[in-house]
Amino acid sequence: MVYVDKFNEDIGDLHSGSRVCKACLKRFPMTDFFWAGRKQCRRRKCKRCVELDRKERHRDPAYAAKSKEAQRYSALRLKYGLSREDVARLEREAGGNCAICSRGFNGQYHVDHCHESGKVRGLLCFTCNTALGKFMDSVEILESAIRYLRKSEGEDDRMVNNA
């Protein structure tokens, strides 16, 4: 006996353990259908049709771009608690340039944040974000590096003159 739901869709034959795929209209064993949601029931499309749909969607460049953007916003929300509006505000404030070196982001920016408090400080280019990480976000180490660079500038002039 084939059981149907309230929309008269085949939800499977309990005796044979099979169901008709909503897309290709072929009968398959229940194991050929993915679990839906929290494993309370099986999906209406067979695994093969679901995979074909997925491949077709990913061939579309507009879908791929939209999917990539959605993933980025989702990651920013989960990692830093930033909404789309927060990200848009940070982008406007940055004006397309790194907060440290003022060079353009070249399409990709990095969210700088305090590792202790988690507070977002701004948007940086890859180089500046990596540099801050290498200096362990320490003002003292950065000041020491600045002193070192300034001291070595004078030494470079002396080394050139002695050669």
N, C-alpha and C. Protein backbone atom coordinates (compact mmCIF):
# COMPACT_ATOMS: atom_id res chain seq x y z
N MET A 1 0.84 -1.18 0.00
CA MET A 1 0.00 0.00 0.00
C MET A 1 0.89 1.24 0.00
N VAL A 2 0.58 2.19 -0.87
CA VAL A 2 1.32 3.45 -0.96
C VAL A 2 0.60 4.48 -0.10
N TYR A 3 1.36 5.15 0.76
CA TYR A 3 0.79 6.17 1.63
C TYR A 3 1.02 7.54 1.03
N VAL A 4 0.03 8.41 1.18
CA VAL A 4 0.14 9.78 0.65
C VAL A 4 -0.07 10.76 1.79
N ASP A 5 0.49 11.96 1.62
CA ASP A 5 0.31 12.99 2.64
C ASP A 5 -0.92 13.82 2.29
N LYS A 6 -1.15 14.91 3.01
CA LYS A 6 -2.36 15.71 2.80
C LYS A 6 -2.40 16.39 1.43
N PHE A 7 -1.23 16.47 0.73
CA PHE A 7 -1.20 17.06 -0.61
C PHE A 7 -1.25 15.98 -1.69
N ASN A 8 -1.58 14.76 -1.26
CA ASN A 8 -1.69 13.60 -2.15
C ASN A 8 -0.37 13.25 -2.80
N GLU A 9 0.74 13.52 -2.09
CA GLU A 9 2.06 13.14 -2.58
C GLU A 9 2.46 11.82 -1.94
N ASP A 10 3.11 11.01 -2.73
CA ASP A 10 3.57 9.70 -2.28
C ASP A 10 4.62 9.89 -1.18
N ILE A 11 4.35 9.39 0.01
CA ILE A 11 5.34 9.47 1.09
C ILE A 11 5.99 8.11 1.34
N GLY A 12 5.69 7.19 0.51
CA GLY A 12 6.38 5.91 0.58
C GLY A 12 5.47 4.73 0.81
N ASP A 13 5.97 3.60 0.39
CA ASP A 13 5.28 2.33 0.60
C ASP A 13 5.95 1.67 1.80
N LEU A 14 5.22 1.57 2.89
CA LEU A 14 5.81 1.05 4.11
C LEU A 14 6.18 -0.43 4.00
N HIS A 15 5.49 -1.16 3.15
CA HIS A 15 5.77 -2.59 3.01
C HIS A 15 7.04 -2.84 2.21
N SER A 16 7.21 -2.12 1.10
CA SER A 16 8.39 -2.34 0.26
C SER A 16 9.51 -1.36 0.61
N GLY A 17 9.21 -0.33 1.40
CA GLY A 17 10.21 0.66 1.78
C GLY A 17 10.69 1.48 0.59
N SER A 18 9.74 1.90 -0.27
CA SER A 18 10.11 2.67 -1.46
C SER A 18 9.24 3.92 -1.57
N ARG A 19 9.64 4.79 -2.47
CA ARG A 19 8.92 6.04 -2.70
C ARG A 19 9.16 6.48 -4.13
N VAL A 20 8.23 7.28 -4.67
CA VAL A 20 8.36 7.84 -6.00
C VAL A 20 9.03 9.20 -5.88
N CYS A 21 10.09 9.42 -6.68
CA CYS A 21 10.80 10.71 -6.69
C CYS A 21 9.90 11.76 -7.32
N LYS A 22 9.84 12.92 -6.67
CA LYS A 22 9.00 14.03 -7.13
C LYS A 22 9.52 14.60 -8.46
N ALA A 23 10.82 14.48 -8.73
CA ALA A 23 11.40 15.07 -9.93
C ALA A 23 11.37 14.13 -11.13
N CYS A 24 11.89 12.92 -10.96
CA CYS A 24 11.99 12.00 -12.11
C CYS A 24 10.82 11.02 -12.18
N LEU A 25 9.99 10.98 -11.15
CA LEU A 25 8.80 10.13 -11.09
C LEU A 25 9.11 8.63 -11.15
N LYS A 26 10.30 8.25 -10.70
CA LYS A 26 10.67 6.83 -10.64
C LYS A 26 10.62 6.38 -9.18
N ARG A 27 10.30 5.10 -8.99
CA ARG A 27 10.25 4.55 -7.64
C ARG A 27 11.62 4.03 -7.24
N PHE A 28 12.06 4.45 -6.04
CA PHE A 28 13.35 4.04 -5.49
C PHE A 28 13.17 3.59 -4.06
N PRO A 29 14.11 2.79 -3.55
CA PRO A 29 14.06 2.43 -2.13
C PRO A 29 14.28 3.69 -1.28
N MET A 30 13.76 3.68 -0.07
CA MET A 30 13.84 4.86 0.80
C MET A 30 15.29 5.29 1.05
N THR A 31 16.23 4.36 0.98
CA THR A 31 17.63 4.70 1.21
C THR A 31 18.21 5.58 0.10
N ASP A 32 17.51 5.69 -1.04
CA ASP A 32 17.95 6.56 -2.13
C ASP A 32 17.43 7.99 -1.96
N PHE A 33 16.88 8.29 -0.82
CA PHE A 33 16.38 9.64 -0.50
C PHE A 33 17.14 10.16 0.73
N PHE A 34 17.60 11.42 0.65
CA PHE A 34 18.28 12.03 1.80
C PHE A 34 17.29 12.26 2.93
N TRP A 35 17.81 12.26 4.15
CA TRP A 35 16.99 12.66 5.30
C TRP A 35 16.71 14.15 5.19
N ALA A 36 15.53 14.57 5.55
CA ALA A 36 15.15 15.98 5.52
C ALA A 36 15.15 16.54 6.93
N GLY A 37 15.55 17.78 7.05
CA GLY A 37 15.51 18.43 8.36
C GLY A 37 16.32 17.69 9.40
N ARG A 38 15.69 17.39 10.50
CA ARG A 38 16.37 16.73 11.61
C ARG A 38 16.08 15.23 11.64
N LYS A 39 16.14 14.64 10.45
CA LYS A 39 15.96 13.19 10.28
C LYS A 39 14.59 12.69 10.75
N GLN A 40 13.57 13.51 10.55
CA GLN A 40 12.22 13.07 10.90
C GLN A 40 11.54 12.41 9.72
N CYS A 41 11.99 12.77 8.52
CA CYS A 41 11.40 12.18 7.31
C CYS A 41 12.42 12.26 6.18
N ARG A 42 12.07 11.69 5.06
CA ARG A 42 12.96 11.70 3.90
C ARG A 42 12.54 12.79 2.92
N ARG A 43 13.49 13.28 2.13
CA ARG A 43 13.18 14.28 1.12
C ARG A 43 12.29 13.68 0.03
N ARG A 44 11.68 14.54 -0.76
CA ARG A 44 10.78 14.10 -1.83
C ARG A 44 11.53 13.73 -3.11
N LYS A 45 12.75 14.32 -3.28
CA LYS A 45 13.53 14.01 -4.48
C LYS A 45 14.60 12.98 -4.14
N CYS A 46 14.88 12.10 -5.09
CA CYS A 46 15.92 11.08 -4.88
C CYS A 46 17.29 11.75 -4.86
N LYS A 47 18.27 11.04 -4.36
CA LYS A 47 19.63 11.59 -4.23
C LYS A 47 20.19 12.02 -5.58
N ARG A 48 19.91 11.23 -6.62
CA ARG A 48 20.41 11.56 -7.95
C ARG A 48 19.84 12.89 -8.45
N CYS A 49 18.55 13.11 -8.27
CA CYS A 49 17.91 14.34 -8.72
C CYS A 49 18.38 15.55 -7.89
N VAL A 50 18.57 15.35 -6.60
CA VAL A 50 19.08 16.43 -5.73
C VAL A 50 20.47 16.84 -6.21
N GLU A 51 21.31 15.85 -6.53
CA GLU A 51 22.67 16.14 -7.00
C GLU A 51 22.65 16.84 -8.35
N LEU A 52 21.77 16.44 -9.25
CA LEU A 52 21.65 17.10 -10.55
C LEU A 52 21.21 18.55 -10.37
N ASP A 53 20.26 18.80 -9.46
CA ASP A 53 19.81 20.17 -9.18
C ASP A 53 20.95 21.02 -8.64
N ARG A 54 21.74 20.43 -7.74
CA ARG A 54 22.86 21.15 -7.14
C ARG A 54 23.89 21.53 -8.20
N LYS A 55 24.22 20.57 -9.09
CA LYS A 55 25.19 20.85 -10.15
C LYS A 55 24.68 21.92 -11.09
N GLU A 56 23.40 21.87 -11.41
CA GLU A 56 22.80 22.86 -12.31
C GLU A 56 22.85 24.26 -11.69
N ARG A 57 22.54 24.36 -10.41
CA ARG A 57 22.59 25.66 -9.73
C ARG A 57 24.01 26.22 -9.72
N HIS A 58 25.00 25.37 -9.48
CA HIS A 58 26.37 25.84 -9.36
C HIS A 58 27.00 26.18 -10.70
N ARG A 59 26.38 25.77 -11.81
CA ARG A 59 26.85 26.18 -13.13
C ARG A 59 26.47 27.63 -13.42
N ASP A 60 25.45 28.12 -12.76
CA ASP A 60 24.97 29.48 -12.97
C ASP A 60 25.89 30.46 -12.25
N PRO A 61 26.59 31.36 -12.98
CA PRO A 61 27.53 32.29 -12.35
C PRO A 61 26.84 33.23 -11.34
N ALA A 62 25.61 33.62 -11.62
CA ALA A 62 24.90 34.51 -10.70
C ALA A 62 24.65 33.80 -9.37
N TYR A 63 24.29 32.52 -9.43
CA TYR A 63 24.07 31.75 -8.20
C TYR A 63 25.36 31.61 -7.42
N ALA A 64 26.45 31.31 -8.13
CA ALA A 64 27.75 31.12 -7.47
C ALA A 64 28.17 32.40 -6.75
N ALA A 65 28.01 33.56 -7.40
CA ALA A 65 28.40 34.83 -6.79
C ALA A 65 27.51 35.13 -5.58
N LYS A 66 26.21 34.90 -5.73
CA LYS A 66 25.28 35.16 -4.63
C LYS A 66 25.57 34.23 -3.45
N SER A 67 25.88 32.97 -3.76
CA SER A 67 26.17 31.99 -2.72
C SER A 67 27.45 32.36 -1.97
N LYS A 68 28.47 32.79 -2.71
CA LYS A 68 29.74 33.18 -2.09
C LYS A 68 29.55 34.39 -1.18
N GLU A 69 28.76 35.36 -1.65
CA GLU A 69 28.49 36.55 -0.84
C GLU A 69 27.71 36.18 0.42
N ALA A 70 26.73 35.31 0.28
CA ALA A 70 25.94 34.88 1.44
C ALA A 70 26.82 34.15 2.45
N GLN A 71 27.73 33.33 1.97
CA GLN A 71 28.64 32.62 2.87
C GLN A 71 29.54 33.60 3.61
N ARG A 72 30.01 34.63 2.92
CA ARG A 72 30.89 35.63 3.56
C ARG A 72 30.14 36.36 4.66
N TYR A 73 28.91 36.83 4.38
CA TYR A 73 28.13 37.53 5.39
C TYR A 73 27.81 36.61 6.57
N SER A 74 27.53 35.37 6.27
CA SER A 74 27.23 34.41 7.33
C SER A 74 28.44 34.21 8.23
N ALA A 75 29.63 34.11 7.63
CA ALA A 75 30.86 33.93 8.40
C ALA A 75 31.14 35.17 9.26
N LEU A 76 30.92 36.37 8.71
CA LEU A 76 31.15 37.61 9.47
C LEU A 76 30.17 37.72 10.63
N ARG A 77 28.94 37.26 10.40
CA ARG A 77 27.93 37.30 11.47
C ARG A 77 28.29 36.33 12.58
N LEU A 78 28.69 35.12 12.21
CA LEU A 78 29.02 34.11 13.21
C LEU A 78 30.30 34.44 13.98
N LYS A 79 31.32 34.92 13.26
CA LYS A 79 32.62 35.14 13.89
C LYS A 79 32.69 36.44 14.68
N TYR A 80 32.10 37.52 14.12
CA TYR A 80 32.24 38.84 14.75
C TYR A 80 30.91 39.44 15.21
N GLY A 81 29.79 38.79 14.90
CA GLY A 81 28.49 39.32 15.28
C GLY A 81 28.06 40.51 14.43
N LEU A 82 28.60 40.61 13.21
CA LEU A 82 28.30 41.74 12.33
C LEU A 82 27.11 41.43 11.43
N SER A 83 26.16 42.35 11.39
CA SER A 83 25.05 42.23 10.45
C SER A 83 25.49 42.79 9.10
N ARG A 84 24.66 42.62 8.08
CA ARG A 84 24.97 43.20 6.76
C ARG A 84 25.09 44.71 6.86
N GLU A 85 24.26 45.32 7.69
CA GLU A 85 24.30 46.78 7.87
C GLU A 85 25.62 47.21 8.51
N ASP A 86 26.09 46.43 9.51
CA ASP A 86 27.37 46.73 10.15
C ASP A 86 28.51 46.65 9.15
N VAL A 87 28.49 45.63 8.31
CA VAL A 87 29.53 45.47 7.30
C VAL A 87 29.49 46.62 6.30
N ALA A 88 28.29 47.00 5.87
CA ALA A 88 28.14 48.11 4.92
C ALA A 88 28.66 49.41 5.54
N ARG A 89 28.40 49.63 6.84
CA ARG A 89 28.88 50.83 7.53
C ARG A 89 30.41 50.82 7.59
N LEU A 90 30.99 49.68 7.94
CA LEU A 90 32.46 49.59 7.99
C LEU A 90 33.07 49.83 6.61
N GLU A 91 32.45 49.31 5.56
CA GLU A 91 32.94 49.53 4.19
C GLU A 91 32.87 51.00 3.81
N ARG A 92 31.76 51.67 4.18
CA ARG A 92 31.62 53.10 3.90
C ARG A 92 32.69 53.90 4.63
N GLU A 93 32.88 53.59 5.92
CA GLU A 93 33.88 54.29 6.73
C GLU A 93 35.29 54.11 6.16
N ALA A 94 35.57 52.91 5.67
CA ALA A 94 36.90 52.61 5.13
C ALA A 94 37.10 53.29 3.78
N GLY A 95 36.03 53.50 3.05
CA GLY A 95 36.14 54.14 1.74
C GLY A 95 36.92 53.30 0.73
N GLY A 96 36.95 51.99 0.93
CA GLY A 96 37.64 51.11 0.00
C GLY A 96 39.14 51.01 0.25
N ASN A 97 39.61 51.63 1.34
CA ASN A 97 41.04 51.62 1.64
C ASN A 97 41.33 51.04 3.01
N CYS A 98 42.53 50.50 3.14
CA CYS A 98 43.00 49.94 4.41
C CYS A 98 43.13 51.05 5.45
N ALA A 99 42.75 50.77 6.69
CA ALA A 99 42.81 51.76 7.76
C ALA A 99 44.24 52.09 8.17
N ILE A 100 45.21 51.25 7.82
CA ILE A 100 46.60 51.50 8.20
C ILE A 100 47.41 52.10 7.05
N CYS A 101 47.46 51.41 5.92
CA CYS A 101 48.33 51.85 4.81
C CYS A 101 47.61 52.70 3.77
N SER A 102 46.29 52.78 3.84
CA SER A 102 45.46 53.57 2.93
C SER A 102 45.48 53.08 1.48
N ARG A 103 46.00 51.89 1.25
CA ARG A 103 45.92 51.31 -0.09
C ARG A 103 44.58 50.62 -0.27
N GLY A 104 44.18 50.42 -1.51
CA GLY A 104 42.91 49.76 -1.80
C GLY A 104 42.92 48.31 -1.35
N PHE A 105 41.73 47.76 -1.11
CA PHE A 105 41.62 46.38 -0.65
C PHE A 105 41.86 45.36 -1.74
N ASN A 106 41.80 45.79 -2.99
CA ASN A 106 42.00 44.87 -4.10
C ASN A 106 40.95 43.77 -4.09
N GLY A 107 39.72 44.13 -3.73
CA GLY A 107 38.60 43.19 -3.77
C GLY A 107 38.37 42.40 -2.50
N GLN A 108 39.37 42.30 -1.63
CA GLN A 108 39.22 41.50 -0.42
C GLN A 108 39.75 42.28 0.78
N TYR A 109 38.93 42.41 1.80
CA TYR A 109 39.38 43.05 3.02
C TYR A 109 39.30 42.06 4.18
N HIS A 110 39.98 42.40 5.26
CA HIS A 110 39.99 41.56 6.45
C HIS A 110 39.47 42.37 7.63
N VAL A 111 38.65 41.75 8.44
CA VAL A 111 38.08 42.42 9.61
C VAL A 111 39.09 42.33 10.74
N ASP A 112 39.58 43.48 11.19
CA ASP A 112 40.52 43.53 12.30
C ASP A 112 39.73 43.61 13.59
N HIS A 113 40.12 42.81 14.58
CA HIS A 113 39.40 42.80 15.86
C HIS A 113 40.37 42.54 17.00
N CYS A 114 39.99 42.96 18.17
CA CYS A 114 40.77 42.72 19.37
C CYS A 114 40.56 41.26 19.77
N HIS A 115 41.65 40.54 19.95
CA HIS A 115 41.54 39.12 20.29
C HIS A 115 41.12 38.90 21.73
N GLU A 116 41.26 39.90 22.58
CA GLU A 116 40.85 39.76 23.97
C GLU A 116 39.37 40.07 24.16
N SER A 117 38.94 41.22 23.62
CA SER A 117 37.54 41.63 23.82
C SER A 117 36.63 41.18 22.69
N GLY A 118 37.20 40.92 21.50
CA GLY A 118 36.39 40.54 20.34
C GLY A 118 35.83 41.75 19.60
N LYS A 119 36.14 42.97 20.07
CA LYS A 119 35.61 44.19 19.45
C LYS A 119 36.25 44.41 18.08
N VAL A 120 35.41 44.73 17.10
CA VAL A 120 35.88 44.99 15.74
C VAL A 120 36.47 46.39 15.70
N ARG A 121 37.71 46.50 15.15
CA ARG A 121 38.40 47.79 15.08
C ARG A 121 38.26 48.44 13.72
N GLY A 122 38.18 47.66 12.66
CA GLY A 122 38.08 48.23 11.32
C GLY A 122 38.42 47.20 10.26
N LEU A 123 38.61 47.70 9.03
CA LEU A 123 38.93 46.84 7.89
C LEU A 123 40.35 47.10 7.44
N LEU A 124 41.10 46.03 7.21
CA LEU A 124 42.49 46.12 6.80
C LEU A 124 42.75 45.30 5.56
N CYS A 125 43.84 45.63 4.86
CA CYS A 125 44.28 44.79 3.75
C CYS A 125 44.98 43.56 4.34
N PHE A 126 45.23 42.58 3.50
CA PHE A 126 45.84 41.34 3.96
C PHE A 126 47.19 41.59 4.63
N THR A 127 48.02 42.43 4.00
CA THR A 127 49.38 42.67 4.50
C THR A 127 49.35 43.29 5.89
N CYS A 128 48.55 44.33 6.08
CA CYS A 128 48.49 45.01 7.37
C CYS A 128 47.86 44.12 8.45
N ASN A 129 46.86 43.36 8.08
CA ASN A 129 46.23 42.45 9.03
C ASN A 129 47.22 41.38 9.49
N THR A 130 47.97 40.85 8.55
CA THR A 130 48.98 39.84 8.89
C THR A 130 50.08 40.45 9.75
N ALA A 131 50.51 41.68 9.40
CA ALA A 131 51.56 42.34 10.18
C ALA A 131 51.13 42.54 11.62
N LEU A 132 49.90 43.01 11.83
CA LEU A 132 49.42 43.19 13.21
C LEU A 132 49.42 41.86 13.95
N GLY A 133 49.04 40.81 13.28
CA GLY A 133 49.05 39.49 13.90
C GLY A 133 50.45 39.04 14.27
N LYS A 134 51.41 39.31 13.38
CA LYS A 134 52.80 38.93 13.66
C LYS A 134 53.35 39.72 14.85
N PHE A 135 52.90 40.97 15.00
CA PHE A 135 53.32 41.79 16.14
C PHE A 135 52.43 41.56 17.36
N MET A 136 51.59 40.54 17.30
CA MET A 136 50.71 40.12 18.40
C MET A 136 49.82 41.26 18.92
N ASP A 137 49.43 42.17 18.04
CA ASP A 137 48.56 43.31 18.39
C ASP A 137 49.13 44.12 19.55
N SER A 138 50.45 44.12 19.71
CA SER A 138 51.10 44.80 20.84
C SER A 138 51.61 46.17 20.42
N VAL A 139 51.11 47.21 21.08
CA VAL A 139 51.56 48.57 20.82
C VAL A 139 53.05 48.70 21.15
N GLU A 140 53.48 48.08 22.24
CA GLU A 140 54.89 48.17 22.66
C GLU A 140 55.82 47.57 21.59
N ILE A 141 55.45 46.42 21.06
CA ILE A 141 56.29 45.77 20.05
C ILE A 141 56.31 46.62 18.78
N LEU A 142 55.16 47.18 18.40
CA LEU A 142 55.10 48.04 17.21
C LEU A 142 55.96 49.29 17.40
N GLU A 143 55.89 49.91 18.58
CA GLU A 143 56.72 51.09 18.85
C GLU A 143 58.20 50.72 18.80
N SER A 144 58.55 49.56 19.32
CA SER A 144 59.93 49.09 19.28
C SER A 144 60.37 48.88 17.83
N ALA A 145 59.50 48.35 17.00
CA ALA A 145 59.81 48.15 15.58
C ALA A 145 60.01 49.50 14.89
N ILE A 146 59.19 50.49 15.23
CA ILE A 146 59.34 51.82 14.64
C ILE A 146 60.69 52.42 15.04
N ARG A 147 61.06 52.30 16.33
CA ARG A 147 62.36 52.81 16.79
C ARG A 147 63.49 52.11 16.03
N TYR A 148 63.37 50.82 15.86
CA TYR A 148 64.38 50.05 15.15
C TYR A 148 64.53 50.54 13.71
N LEU A 149 63.39 50.74 13.03
CA LEU A 149 63.44 51.21 11.65
C LEU A 149 64.05 52.60 11.56
N ARG A 150 63.67 53.50 12.47
CA ARG A 150 64.20 54.86 12.45
C ARG A 150 65.70 54.86 12.72
N LYS A 151 66.13 54.02 13.66
CA LYS A 151 67.55 53.93 13.99
C LYS A 151 68.34 53.38 12.80
N SER A 152 67.79 52.38 12.15
CA SER A 152 68.51 51.76 11.04
C SER A 152 68.53 52.65 9.80
N GLU A 153 67.60 53.62 9.68
CA GLU A 153 67.63 54.56 8.55
C GLU A 153 68.92 55.37 8.59
N GLY A 154 69.31 55.85 9.77
CA GLY A 154 70.54 56.62 9.92
C GLY A 154 71.76 55.77 9.66
N GLU A 155 71.75 54.51 10.09
CA GLU A 155 72.88 53.62 9.88
C GLU A 155 73.07 53.30 8.41
N ASP A 156 71.98 53.21 7.65
CA ASP A 156 72.07 52.91 6.22
C ASP A 156 72.87 54.02 5.51
N ASP A 157 72.61 55.27 5.91
CA ASP A 157 73.32 56.41 5.27
C ASP A 157 74.82 56.29 5.57
N ARG A 158 75.18 55.96 6.80
CA ARG A 158 76.59 55.84 7.17
C ARG A 158 77.25 54.68 6.44
N MET A 159 76.52 53.57 6.30
CA MET A 159 77.09 52.39 5.64
C MET A 159 77.36 52.69 4.16
N VAL A 160 76.48 53.45 3.51
CA VAL A 160 76.66 53.80 2.09
C VAL A 160 77.86 54.71 1.95
N ASN A 161 78.01 55.69 2.86
CA ASN A 161 79.11 56.65 2.78
C ASN A 161 80.47 55.98 3.03
N ASN A 162 80.51 54.94 3.89
CA ASN A 162 81.78 54.26 4.20
C ASN A 162 82.20 53.33 3.08
N ALA A 163 81.30 52.91 2.26
CA ALA A 163 81.63 51.91 1.23
C ALA A 163 82.36 52.49 0.07
